[in-house]
Each structure stands twice: as C-alpha cells, then as structure tokens.
Protein backbone atom coordinates (compact mmCIF):
# COMPACT_ATOMS: atom_id res chain seq x y z
CA UNK A 1 40.15 -32.02 -69.97
CA UNK A 2 37.31 -31.35 -72.50
CA UNK A 3 33.94 -32.90 -72.00
CA UNK A 4 33.61 -33.21 -75.67
CA UNK A 5 36.89 -34.80 -76.81
CA UNK A 6 36.82 -37.98 -78.76
CA UNK A 7 33.99 -39.50 -76.87
CA UNK A 8 30.74 -39.79 -78.97
CA UNK A 9 28.62 -39.80 -75.84
CA UNK A 10 30.58 -36.68 -74.29
CA UNK A 11 29.35 -35.53 -70.88
CA UNK A 12 30.82 -36.42 -67.53
CA UNK A 13 28.82 -38.39 -65.05
CA UNK A 14 28.96 -37.89 -61.34
CA UNK A 15 30.23 -40.75 -59.28
CA UNK A 16 27.74 -41.96 -56.63
CA UNK A 17 28.21 -40.50 -53.12
CA UNK A 18 29.45 -42.86 -50.53
CA UNK A 19 26.96 -43.20 -47.85
CA UNK A 20 29.61 -43.56 -45.26
CA UNK A 21 31.76 -40.39 -45.59
CA UNK A 22 31.38 -36.62 -45.98
CA UNK A 23 31.82 -34.85 -49.32
CA UNK A 24 32.64 -31.22 -50.36
CA UNK A 25 30.60 -30.32 -53.38
CA UNK A 26 30.93 -26.94 -55.42
CA UNK A 27 28.17 -25.69 -57.69
CA UNK A 28 27.73 -22.85 -60.10
CA UNK A 29 24.35 -21.49 -61.15
CA UNK A 30 24.79 -19.37 -64.36
CA UNK A 31 21.61 -17.29 -64.90
CA UNK A 32 20.46 -14.28 -66.83
CA UNK A 33 20.19 -12.14 -63.66
CA UNK A 34 22.96 -13.47 -61.41
CA UNK A 35 25.71 -16.00 -61.14
CA UNK A 36 25.96 -17.96 -57.96
CA UNK A 37 28.72 -20.33 -56.51
CA UNK A 38 27.94 -22.36 -53.53
CA UNK A 39 30.27 -24.71 -51.71
CA UNK A 40 28.63 -27.25 -49.47
CA UNK A 41 29.60 -30.05 -47.00
CA UNK A 42 27.48 -33.22 -47.46
CA UNK A 43 27.47 -35.54 -44.47
CA UNK A 44 25.74 -38.94 -44.32
CA UNK A 45 22.32 -38.82 -42.51
CA UNK A 46 20.07 -41.32 -40.96
CA UNK A 47 16.89 -42.38 -42.74
CA UNK A 48 14.19 -39.76 -41.81
CA UNK A 49 10.46 -39.14 -42.38
CA UNK A 50 11.52 -35.57 -43.41
CA UNK A 51 12.82 -35.33 -46.97
CA UNK A 52 13.28 -39.25 -47.13
CA UNK A 53 14.89 -39.05 -50.56
CA UNK A 54 17.88 -37.34 -49.23
CA UNK A 55 20.95 -39.32 -48.32
CA UNK A 56 23.16 -36.60 -46.93
CA UNK A 57 22.71 -33.45 -44.85
CA UNK A 58 23.81 -30.22 -46.73
CA UNK A 59 25.61 -27.36 -44.86
CA UNK A 60 26.60 -24.39 -47.01
CA UNK A 61 30.10 -23.29 -46.16
CA UNK A 62 30.75 -20.86 -48.83
CA UNK A 63 28.59 -18.63 -51.13
CA UNK A 64 29.32 -15.90 -53.71
CA UNK A 65 26.99 -14.28 -56.14
CA UNK A 66 27.53 -11.52 -58.74
CA UNK A 67 25.07 -9.62 -61.12
CA UNK A 68 25.18 -11.68 -64.37
CA UNK A 69 27.00 -10.29 -67.44
CA UNK A 70 27.39 -11.89 -70.78
CA UNK A 71 24.00 -13.93 -70.72
CA UNK A 72 20.96 -13.04 -72.54
CA UNK A 73 17.85 -15.06 -72.08
CA UNK A 74 19.77 -18.02 -70.90
CA UNK A 75 22.30 -18.02 -73.86
CA UNK A 76 25.94 -17.04 -73.59
CA UNK A 77 26.43 -13.72 -75.51
CA UNK A 78 29.90 -12.59 -74.23
CA UNK A 79 32.43 -15.10 -73.04
CA UNK A 80 34.79 -12.58 -71.61
CA UNK A 81 32.24 -10.72 -69.51
CA UNK A 82 30.88 -14.08 -68.20
CA UNK A 83 34.27 -15.39 -67.36
CA UNK A 84 34.96 -12.34 -65.25
CA UNK A 85 31.79 -12.77 -63.32
CA UNK A 86 32.37 -16.47 -62.74
CA UNK A 87 35.86 -15.64 -61.31
CA UNK A 88 34.35 -13.11 -58.88
CA UNK A 89 31.49 -15.44 -57.68
CA UNK A 90 33.89 -18.44 -57.18
CA UNK A 91 36.55 -16.28 -55.50
CA UNK A 92 33.94 -15.00 -52.98
CA UNK A 93 32.69 -18.54 -52.13
CA UNK A 94 36.39 -19.84 -51.86
CA UNK A 95 37.12 -16.92 -49.38
CA UNK A 96 34.14 -17.79 -47.26
CA UNK A 97 34.74 -21.43 -47.23
CA UNK A 98 38.49 -21.34 -46.89
CA UNK A 99 39.20 -23.67 -49.57
CA UNK A 100 40.00 -23.75 -53.27
CA UNK A 101 37.47 -24.91 -55.94
CA UNK A 102 38.73 -26.95 -58.93
CA UNK A 103 35.75 -28.48 -60.43
CA UNK A 104 31.92 -27.61 -60.30
CA UNK A 105 28.59 -28.94 -61.10
CA UNK A 106 26.93 -26.46 -63.48
CA UNK A 107 23.31 -25.83 -64.65
CA UNK A 108 22.23 -25.40 -68.25
CA UNK A 109 19.18 -23.46 -69.49
CA UNK A 110 20.02 -22.78 -73.13
CA UNK A 111 20.57 -25.22 -75.85
CA UNK A 112 16.89 -25.87 -76.67
CA UNK A 113 16.39 -28.51 -73.99
CA UNK A 114 14.57 -31.45 -75.33
CA UNK A 115 12.44 -33.75 -73.26
CA UNK A 116 11.54 -37.17 -74.85
CA UNK A 117 10.16 -40.58 -73.77
CA UNK A 118 11.80 -43.67 -75.37
CA UNK A 119 10.22 -47.18 -74.94
CA UNK A 120 12.08 -50.55 -75.32
CA UNK A 121 10.99 -54.12 -74.87
CA UNK A 122 12.88 -57.36 -74.72
CA UNK A 123 11.77 -60.96 -74.84
CA UNK A 124 12.11 -63.01 -71.46
CA UNK A 125 10.75 -66.23 -72.72
CA UNK A 126 8.75 -66.72 -69.48
CA UNK A 127 11.90 -66.64 -67.36
CA UNK A 128 12.82 -64.63 -64.21
CA UNK A 129 13.98 -61.08 -64.68
CA UNK A 130 17.76 -60.86 -63.93
CA UNK A 131 20.12 -57.92 -63.72
CA UNK A 132 21.38 -58.67 -67.18
CA UNK A 133 17.84 -58.37 -68.59
CA UNK A 134 17.57 -54.97 -67.01
CA UNK A 135 20.83 -53.90 -68.63
CA UNK A 136 19.66 -54.96 -71.96
CA UNK A 137 16.32 -53.22 -71.96
CA UNK A 138 17.88 -50.03 -70.49
CA UNK A 139 20.68 -50.16 -73.05
CA UNK A 140 18.10 -50.50 -75.92
CA UNK A 141 16.18 -47.44 -74.64
CA UNK A 142 19.34 -45.46 -74.21
CA UNK A 143 20.76 -46.27 -77.65
CA UNK A 144 17.45 -44.86 -79.30
CA UNK A 145 18.17 -41.32 -77.74
CA UNK A 146 21.72 -40.97 -79.10
CA UNK A 147 22.09 -38.22 -81.72
CA UNK A 148 25.12 -36.52 -83.37
CA UNK A 149 24.07 -32.92 -82.74
CA UNK A 150 22.63 -33.37 -79.22
CA UNK A 151 24.03 -34.63 -75.82
CA UNK A 152 22.15 -36.47 -73.12
CA UNK A 153 21.93 -34.51 -69.81
CA UNK A 154 19.55 -36.94 -68.02
CA UNK A 155 18.27 -40.37 -68.68
CA UNK A 156 15.78 -41.68 -66.09
CA UNK A 157 13.84 -44.96 -66.17
CA UNK A 158 10.36 -43.70 -65.26
CA UNK A 159 8.73 -47.21 -65.13
CA UNK A 160 8.96 -50.91 -66.27
CA UNK A 161 6.38 -53.15 -67.62
CA UNK A 162 5.89 -56.91 -67.67
CA UNK A 163 3.76 -58.49 -70.35
CA UNK A 164 1.99 -55.06 -70.97
CA UNK A 165 1.37 -54.41 -67.34
CA UNK A 166 2.74 -50.99 -66.68
CA UNK A 167 3.79 -49.08 -63.47
CA UNK A 168 6.25 -51.74 -62.18
CA UNK A 169 9.09 -50.02 -60.22
CA UNK A 170 11.32 -53.02 -59.48
CA UNK A 171 10.86 -55.98 -61.79
CA UNK A 172 13.90 -57.81 -60.64
CA UNK A 173 13.12 -61.52 -59.77
CA UNK A 174 9.79 -61.32 -61.26
CA UNK A 175 8.52 -63.57 -64.12
CA UNK A 176 7.15 -62.75 -67.50
CA UNK A 177 7.45 -63.06 -71.29
CA UNK A 178 8.22 -59.50 -72.13
CA UNK A 179 10.13 -56.69 -70.15
CA UNK A 180 9.67 -53.11 -71.20
CA UNK A 181 10.97 -49.72 -69.92
CA UNK A 182 9.89 -46.04 -70.42
CA UNK A 183 12.96 -43.85 -70.41
CA UNK A 184 12.80 -40.07 -69.99
CA UNK A 185 15.70 -38.37 -71.78
CA UNK A 186 16.60 -34.71 -71.50
CA UNK A 187 18.92 -33.55 -74.22
CA UNK A 188 20.68 -30.27 -75.24
CA UNK A 189 22.45 -29.05 -78.21
CA UNK A 190 26.08 -29.87 -78.16
CA UNK A 191 27.21 -26.27 -79.14
CA UNK A 192 25.46 -24.87 -76.12
CA UNK A 193 27.28 -27.30 -73.80
CA UNK A 194 30.58 -26.57 -75.41
CA UNK A 195 30.13 -22.75 -74.87
CA UNK A 196 29.17 -23.48 -71.24
CA UNK A 197 32.20 -25.66 -70.58
CA UNK A 198 34.35 -22.96 -72.31
CA UNK A 199 33.11 -20.19 -70.18
CA UNK A 200 33.99 -22.37 -66.95
CA UNK A 201 37.42 -23.61 -68.37
CA UNK A 202 38.41 -19.94 -69.15
CA UNK A 203 38.15 -19.16 -65.36
CA UNK A 204 40.63 -22.21 -64.85
CA UNK A 205 37.90 -24.49 -63.53
CA UNK A 206 36.67 -27.76 -64.78
CA UNK A 207 33.04 -29.04 -65.11
CA UNK A 208 32.24 -32.03 -62.92
CA UNK A 209 28.63 -32.49 -64.14
CA UNK A 210 25.93 -30.55 -65.96
CA UNK A 211 22.33 -30.39 -64.87
CA UNK A 212 19.21 -29.03 -66.53
CA UNK A 213 17.95 -26.01 -64.73
CA UNK A 214 14.22 -27.09 -64.48
CA UNK A 215 15.54 -30.35 -62.85
CA UNK A 216 17.70 -28.53 -60.21
CA UNK A 217 15.06 -26.01 -59.31
CA UNK A 218 12.53 -28.88 -58.94
CA UNK A 219 14.76 -30.81 -56.59
CA UNK A 220 15.06 -27.87 -54.30
CA UNK A 221 11.56 -26.52 -54.25
CA UNK A 222 9.47 -29.59 -54.26
CA UNK A 223 8.43 -31.77 -51.16
CA UNK A 224 8.33 -35.62 -51.43
CA UNK A 225 4.61 -35.86 -51.55
CA UNK A 226 4.47 -33.60 -54.61
CA UNK A 227 7.24 -35.37 -56.37
CA UNK A 228 5.41 -38.71 -55.75
CA UNK A 229 1.83 -37.66 -56.55
CA UNK A 230 2.84 -35.43 -59.59
CA UNK A 231 3.61 -31.77 -59.59
CA UNK A 232 4.81 -29.04 -61.94
CA UNK A 233 7.75 -26.80 -60.80
CA UNK A 234 7.80 -23.40 -62.61
CA UNK A 235 11.22 -21.66 -62.18
CA UNK A 236 10.74 -17.97 -63.24
CA UNK A 237 14.12 -16.57 -63.87
CA UNK A 238 15.37 -13.29 -65.26
CA UNK A 239 15.57 -14.38 -69.00
CA UNK A 240 13.60 -17.74 -69.18
CA UNK A 241 10.97 -19.69 -67.24
CA UNK A 242 11.44 -23.31 -67.17
CA UNK A 243 9.00 -26.09 -66.50
CA UNK A 244 9.63 -29.53 -64.91
CA UNK A 245 7.08 -32.14 -64.16
CA UNK A 246 7.76 -34.85 -61.52
CA UNK A 247 5.66 -38.10 -60.86
CA UNK A 248 6.34 -41.24 -58.82
CA UNK A 249 9.54 -39.80 -57.54
CA UNK A 250 11.07 -39.17 -61.08
CA UNK A 251 11.39 -36.22 -63.49
CA UNK A 252 9.15 -37.02 -66.37
CA UNK A 253 9.04 -33.82 -68.50
CA UNK A 254 10.85 -30.56 -68.99
CA UNK A 255 10.13 -27.46 -71.10
CA UNK A 256 11.27 -23.81 -71.21
CA UNK A 257 9.67 -20.48 -72.29
CA UNK A 258 11.78 -17.53 -73.44
CA UNK A 259 10.23 -15.04 -71.06
CA UNK A 260 11.19 -13.97 -67.59
CA UNK A 261 11.47 -11.21 -65.00
CA UNK A 262 13.78 -9.14 -67.18
CA UNK A 263 10.97 -8.80 -69.74
CA UNK A 264 8.69 -7.29 -67.17
CA UNK A 265 11.56 -4.75 -66.30
CA UNK A 266 12.05 -3.92 -70.09
CA UNK A 267 8.25 -3.41 -70.49
CA UNK A 268 8.33 -0.91 -67.63
CA UNK A 269 11.40 0.94 -68.98
CA UNK A 270 9.73 1.25 -72.39
CA UNK A 271 6.22 2.08 -71.20
CA UNK A 272 7.35 4.64 -68.62
CA UNK A 273 10.41 6.10 -70.47
CA UNK A 274 12.84 5.32 -67.64
CA UNK A 275 16.14 3.61 -67.23
CA UNK A 276 16.48 -0.20 -66.80
CA UNK A 277 17.80 0.24 -63.24
CA UNK A 278 14.87 2.55 -62.23
CA UNK A 279 12.32 0.32 -63.84
CA UNK A 280 13.70 -2.75 -61.78
CA UNK A 281 13.32 -0.75 -58.67
CA UNK A 282 9.72 0.20 -59.58
CA UNK A 283 9.00 -3.42 -60.26
CA UNK A 284 10.36 -4.62 -56.89
CA UNK A 285 8.91 -1.77 -54.82
CA UNK A 286 5.60 -0.83 -56.49
CA UNK A 287 4.49 -3.29 -59.06
CA UNK A 288 1.92 -5.92 -58.65
CA UNK A 289 0.54 -8.52 -60.94
CA UNK A 290 -2.86 -7.85 -59.54
CA UNK A 291 -4.86 -4.74 -60.36
CA UNK A 292 -6.41 -2.94 -57.43
CA UNK A 293 -9.09 -0.01 -57.58
CA UNK A 294 -6.98 2.15 -55.03
CA UNK A 295 -3.97 2.04 -57.39
CA UNK A 296 -5.70 4.70 -59.63
CA UNK A 297 -5.48 7.26 -56.76
CA UNK A 298 -1.87 6.56 -55.75
CA UNK A 299 0.73 8.36 -57.74
CA UNK A 300 4.40 7.14 -58.29
CA UNK A 301 7.30 9.22 -59.25
CA UNK A 302 9.14 7.99 -62.29
CA UNK A 303 12.75 9.28 -62.77
CA UNK A 304 13.50 10.66 -66.17
CA UNK A 305 15.75 8.75 -68.72
CA UNK A 306 18.04 11.60 -69.54
CA UNK A 307 21.09 13.13 -67.56
CA UNK A 308 19.67 16.73 -67.74
CA UNK A 309 19.17 18.28 -64.33
CA UNK A 310 16.33 20.37 -65.70
CA UNK A 311 14.18 17.13 -66.35
CA UNK A 312 11.63 16.61 -63.69
CA UNK A 313 10.39 13.23 -62.58
CA UNK A 314 6.86 12.50 -63.96
CA UNK A 315 3.97 11.36 -61.92
CA UNK A 316 1.92 8.39 -62.92
CA UNK A 317 -0.90 6.27 -61.36
CA UNK A 318 0.34 3.11 -59.71
CA UNK A 319 -2.38 1.45 -61.70
CA UNK A 320 -0.35 2.13 -64.94
CA UNK A 321 2.63 0.12 -63.50
CA UNK A 322 0.39 -2.68 -62.55
CA UNK A 323 -1.30 -2.85 -66.00
CA UNK A 324 2.12 -3.03 -67.67
CA UNK A 325 3.33 -5.78 -65.34
CA UNK A 326 0.08 -7.80 -65.40
CA UNK A 327 -0.09 -8.03 -69.10
CA UNK A 328 3.34 -9.52 -69.42
CA UNK A 329 2.67 -11.94 -66.44
CA UNK A 330 -0.58 -13.00 -67.85
CA UNK A 331 1.07 -13.79 -71.23
CA UNK A 332 3.76 -15.76 -69.49
CA UNK A 333 1.20 -17.85 -67.49
CA UNK A 334 -0.91 -18.49 -70.53
CA UNK A 335 2.17 -19.78 -72.44
CA UNK A 336 3.02 -22.00 -69.50
CA UNK A 337 -0.59 -23.34 -69.32
CA UNK A 338 -0.53 -24.17 -72.98
CA UNK A 339 2.81 -25.87 -72.76
CA UNK A 340 1.68 -28.04 -69.96
CA UNK A 341 -1.54 -28.93 -71.71
CA UNK A 342 0.37 -29.68 -75.10
CA UNK A 343 2.95 -31.90 -73.28
CA UNK A 344 0.37 -34.52 -72.40
CA UNK A 345 1.33 -34.41 -68.71
CA UNK A 346 -1.56 -32.15 -67.52
CA UNK A 347 -3.44 -35.13 -65.83
CA UNK A 348 -0.22 -36.03 -63.98
CA UNK A 349 0.36 -32.42 -62.85
CA UNK A 350 -3.23 -32.46 -61.47
CA UNK A 351 -3.90 -29.40 -59.25
CA UNK A 352 -0.33 -28.93 -58.04
CA UNK A 353 1.92 -26.11 -59.21
CA UNK A 354 5.03 -24.75 -57.38
CA UNK A 355 6.35 -21.31 -58.47
CA UNK A 356 10.14 -20.63 -57.69
CA UNK A 357 12.84 -18.51 -59.02
CA UNK A 358 13.65 -14.84 -58.52
CA UNK A 359 10.76 -13.42 -60.65
CA UNK A 360 8.16 -15.54 -58.67
CA UNK A 361 8.53 -13.07 -55.78
CA UNK A 362 6.51 -10.39 -57.66
CA UNK A 363 3.52 -9.27 -55.59
CA UNK A 364 0.26 -10.83 -56.58
CA UNK A 365 1.91 -13.35 -58.91
CA UNK A 366 0.57 -16.49 -57.15
CA UNK A 367 -2.96 -15.31 -57.39
CA UNK A 368 -2.77 -14.60 -61.18
CA UNK A 369 -1.11 -18.14 -61.66
CA UNK A 370 -4.03 -19.66 -59.73
CA UNK A 371 -6.46 -17.98 -61.95
CA UNK A 372 -4.87 -18.70 -65.36
CA UNK A 373 -3.53 -22.14 -64.56
CA UNK A 374 -6.72 -23.23 -62.71
CA UNK A 375 -4.47 -25.08 -60.17
CA UNK A 376 -3.32 -24.72 -56.55
CA UNK A 377 -0.15 -22.70 -56.60
CA UNK A 378 2.39 -22.01 -53.83
CA UNK A 379 5.71 -20.26 -53.91
CA UNK A 380 8.63 -22.75 -53.42
CA UNK A 381 11.82 -21.95 -51.53
CA UNK A 382 14.89 -24.22 -51.30
CA UNK A 383 14.52 -26.75 -48.54
CA UNK A 384 16.66 -29.10 -46.41
CA UNK A 385 19.83 -26.99 -46.56
CA UNK A 386 21.63 -25.40 -43.50
CA UNK A 387 24.14 -22.49 -43.52
CA UNK A 388 22.40 -20.30 -46.07
CA UNK A 389 22.53 -16.64 -45.31
CA UNK A 390 19.07 -14.90 -44.98
CA UNK A 391 19.44 -13.22 -48.36
CA UNK A 392 19.90 -16.61 -50.07
CA UNK A 393 16.98 -18.43 -48.53
CA UNK A 394 14.39 -17.19 -51.14
CA UNK A 395 13.09 -18.69 -54.45
CA UNK A 396 15.87 -16.94 -56.49
CA UNK A 397 18.45 -19.41 -54.99
CA UNK A 398 16.41 -22.65 -55.75
CA UNK A 399 18.55 -23.67 -58.75
CA UNK A 400 21.83 -23.37 -56.89
CA UNK A 401 20.60 -25.37 -53.98
CA UNK A 402 19.16 -27.92 -56.40
CA UNK A 403 22.52 -28.41 -57.96
CA UNK A 404 23.78 -29.13 -54.39
CA UNK A 405 21.13 -31.79 -53.98
CA UNK A 406 21.59 -33.30 -57.45
CA UNK A 407 24.62 -35.60 -56.46
CA UNK A 408 22.18 -37.51 -54.09
CA UNK A 409 19.83 -38.45 -56.85
CA UNK A 410 22.40 -38.72 -59.84
CA UNK A 411 22.55 -42.50 -59.25
CA UNK A 412 18.94 -42.82 -60.45
CA UNK A 413 20.15 -42.28 -63.99
CA UNK A 414 21.27 -44.76 -66.62
CA UNK A 415 23.58 -43.63 -69.48
CA UNK A 416 24.97 -45.26 -72.67
CA UNK A 417 28.82 -45.16 -72.89
CA UNK A 418 31.37 -46.37 -75.29
CA UNK A 419 31.99 -49.36 -73.14
CA UNK A 420 28.40 -50.34 -72.68
CA UNK A 421 25.99 -48.95 -70.05
CA UNK A 422 26.71 -46.70 -67.06
CA UNK A 423 24.10 -48.01 -64.73
CA UNK A 424 22.64 -46.80 -61.50
CA UNK A 425 19.11 -48.65 -61.70
CA UNK A 426 17.26 -46.75 -59.00
CA UNK A 427 17.80 -44.95 -55.72
CA UNK A 428 20.26 -45.99 -52.92
CA UNK A 429 17.77 -48.11 -51.27
CA UNK A 430 16.40 -50.25 -53.95
CA UNK A 431 17.29 -53.87 -54.34
CA UNK A 432 18.44 -53.23 -57.93
CA UNK A 433 20.82 -50.45 -56.73
CA UNK A 434 22.25 -52.68 -54.00
CA UNK A 435 22.97 -55.51 -56.41
CA UNK A 436 24.51 -52.99 -58.96
CA UNK A 437 26.82 -51.62 -56.21
CA UNK A 438 27.81 -55.19 -55.13
CA UNK A 439 28.79 -55.93 -58.79
CA UNK A 440 30.90 -52.88 -59.01
CA UNK A 441 32.75 -53.51 -55.76
CA UNK A 442 33.24 -57.36 -56.40
CA UNK A 443 34.47 -57.35 -59.98
C-alpha cells in the first residue's frame, strides 16, 4: 500500500515496541556508496546504567551489503539500478537470517531535509495541566508544520514552558496560566519520499517507516551523556555529509552538506589522471588529511587512465596526494562549521563533536576537524549491538545500526493525523507515556 495515497499527512508511523516480548526488525540503509540491509532481533532488557535510553537488546541475525548504484549525492538517479542493488542486499540478509523480509525501516538523505522549531501556547486559566491540555498544545504546534509540498519525518517536543518558564520536561499535574511547547520538526520533499518508496516497492517490499539519516547515525554513534549535554554528530558519507544536534535527550537540529568521501576520490582521479577505482585505493591506502614533511620524499605509483600496455605508471610525491585530499576536507569542515554557527545551536553543541560515516575513517581527519571546528572531536562507531561481523563494526555502518535503534525511541514523537493526534508524549518511562499507554489500552 502506498504511503502517499489519499492521506494528507502521508507517512507511516511505527507502532511502539512491546516491553514484554521480542521483535524482529529489518532496516535498509540506502547510501551513495553502499546499500545495507540488516535484520535484527530485539529482546526486552532490564534497566541498566549502560545506554539507559535503550529498552531492548539488539542482536544482528542477518546482514547484506552491496556497492550502491543508481544514487548520486544521496538522490535517486536510476530506479532500475537501485532496485537491483536493494534486491541483492535484502536477499543476502534473508539468507543469513533464515527468514523472509516483507517490510523495512528505510533512511532518507535527499529531499532537502528541513529542520524547524515551532512554538505553540494555550491558556490554562490557572488550572492543573491535564493530558488533554498536552494534546491541545502539541496539536497546535503540529498543525503549524503541515505543508502540501513537504512531509513530516520527525516531530519531537523538545521542551515545555509554564507561564514563560522554559525547560520543563514533564508539566503534567503542574499549575499555571499558560502552557507552551517547542516542537522540533524534520521535513522532506514529498517527491523524494515517493521516489524512495517506489524504489523499495519495485523490489516487492513495503516501507514500514522512514528515518532521516542524520537522526539515525546520531542514535548509533552518540553516548547518553553527549545526547543529554548537547553534541553534534557529523555523518560523512560518500555523497553527502549530514549534521545532527542533540540536547537534553532529544534531536534539536538537522542539516546536510552536498560533499562527501566520493568528492575526495573524484578530486584525486582528476588531479592525478587516474581511474576512479585507482583513486579510491590511493585514498584508502596512502591519503591523509594532514600534511607531513616526510611525504615530499616518499613516491607513490599512479596507474595510468588508459588501457594501453605501453603506458607506464607515473611517480608522484605522497605530499601531492595529501594536498589534494586536505583541500577538499578543509572545505567540507569549514562548511560544517559555518552551518553549525548559522543554525544558532553552536552554544548547545559546545565543545563536543562526533564524526561518523565511512568517510570519517580517512587518516588525519579528526585532527583537521579539531583545528577547523575548534572543538573536541572523536570518531563514533555504532554501539550497543551484538552479532555484527567485524567488517560492519566501523563508522560506515552507523546509519544502518541507528535505524535498528530507532523503534526504541519512535514513541518520543508526536504527529498530526486525519483523526487528530498520534501521541507518544515522551519516553517509555515518563509518567505522561504511561498515562498515554493506559488510555490506549483502556478505551
């Protein structure tokens, strides 16, 4: 069934996970460099000091990944090519897990992701805040975000206010004259979502939910203290680099830059007159984002671009390779720095930045990022997941693991629907969430 049928609001919403039984979750990470399908078994876990926000343990029981085709800088360019790659990746994961996938949680990078804060206020008349008041104020904020040409991916209440006093997390049962809410809404162009759905449907699969790529990678790579204190997660992919800012346990901002690891590879191929495949190997084996004085003396063999056997490999100093790479990396980091500054969330990010994604593995990248961003930088790898093969434990698989984590936090979102409000008012352990769950079960 299409996500975009007659419904004005459109997207499917994941059902909250039961805290008492196991679930099998299938996800699909569609990137410019690779397409990854993961199948995981989620089993309820006891409350723990380690990753306390997680409600389930995740064990990966199936994984398949293929080199991406039909995607350019995060945008679908060839549906037929992408369909074939999705089929191969899902088939490999199904064989490993020994089960058949029917629906998946999919990521979205394209569609000019929008990140906006909407504020709404209602009058309480000095009365106690009840669940119905929360519904009213959240609904008012959600209605502001609805637009014909865009669909809402995520809608999170980042904080409530009572009589102008901000930073209230749980206003239920408190007294005041005016109740307000700040709602962070992530939107995408409907055409991009339709094309994404179409590519999955053509492989005879359905879309269970769609998650913005920066949100997913942040869920996988950040620890709870970073999410609470405020931190930026920068996911450096092949075609795009995405930015997500988290604070007080919530996603508060997203952005994307149209530069990634593949742009570094293309620069090398052009600058050294070699093939894309050889340029990728040079980047992985020899390139560094940092210039070193000893690189001038070390020579690297560059394979010729033609097929003529008489063409001999050329010899260039390793420093030339590093100069080409560092120029693009510095440009990317300066763009990220300016985007964070322009967003207004620079004080919230503070000194904490986590780099993840396949392109973050470039030698010397963290040092260059520290210098340009003027912040503490670490490389983030997916955490809190068992069963991953060694090759899939690196930063390149953060988005796929984040998609697997997402069902555990999906109930923090509030969405407008044709019948009113789809509410989940906070995490599993909040009083609001428990009351909301009781209402659903009782009526």
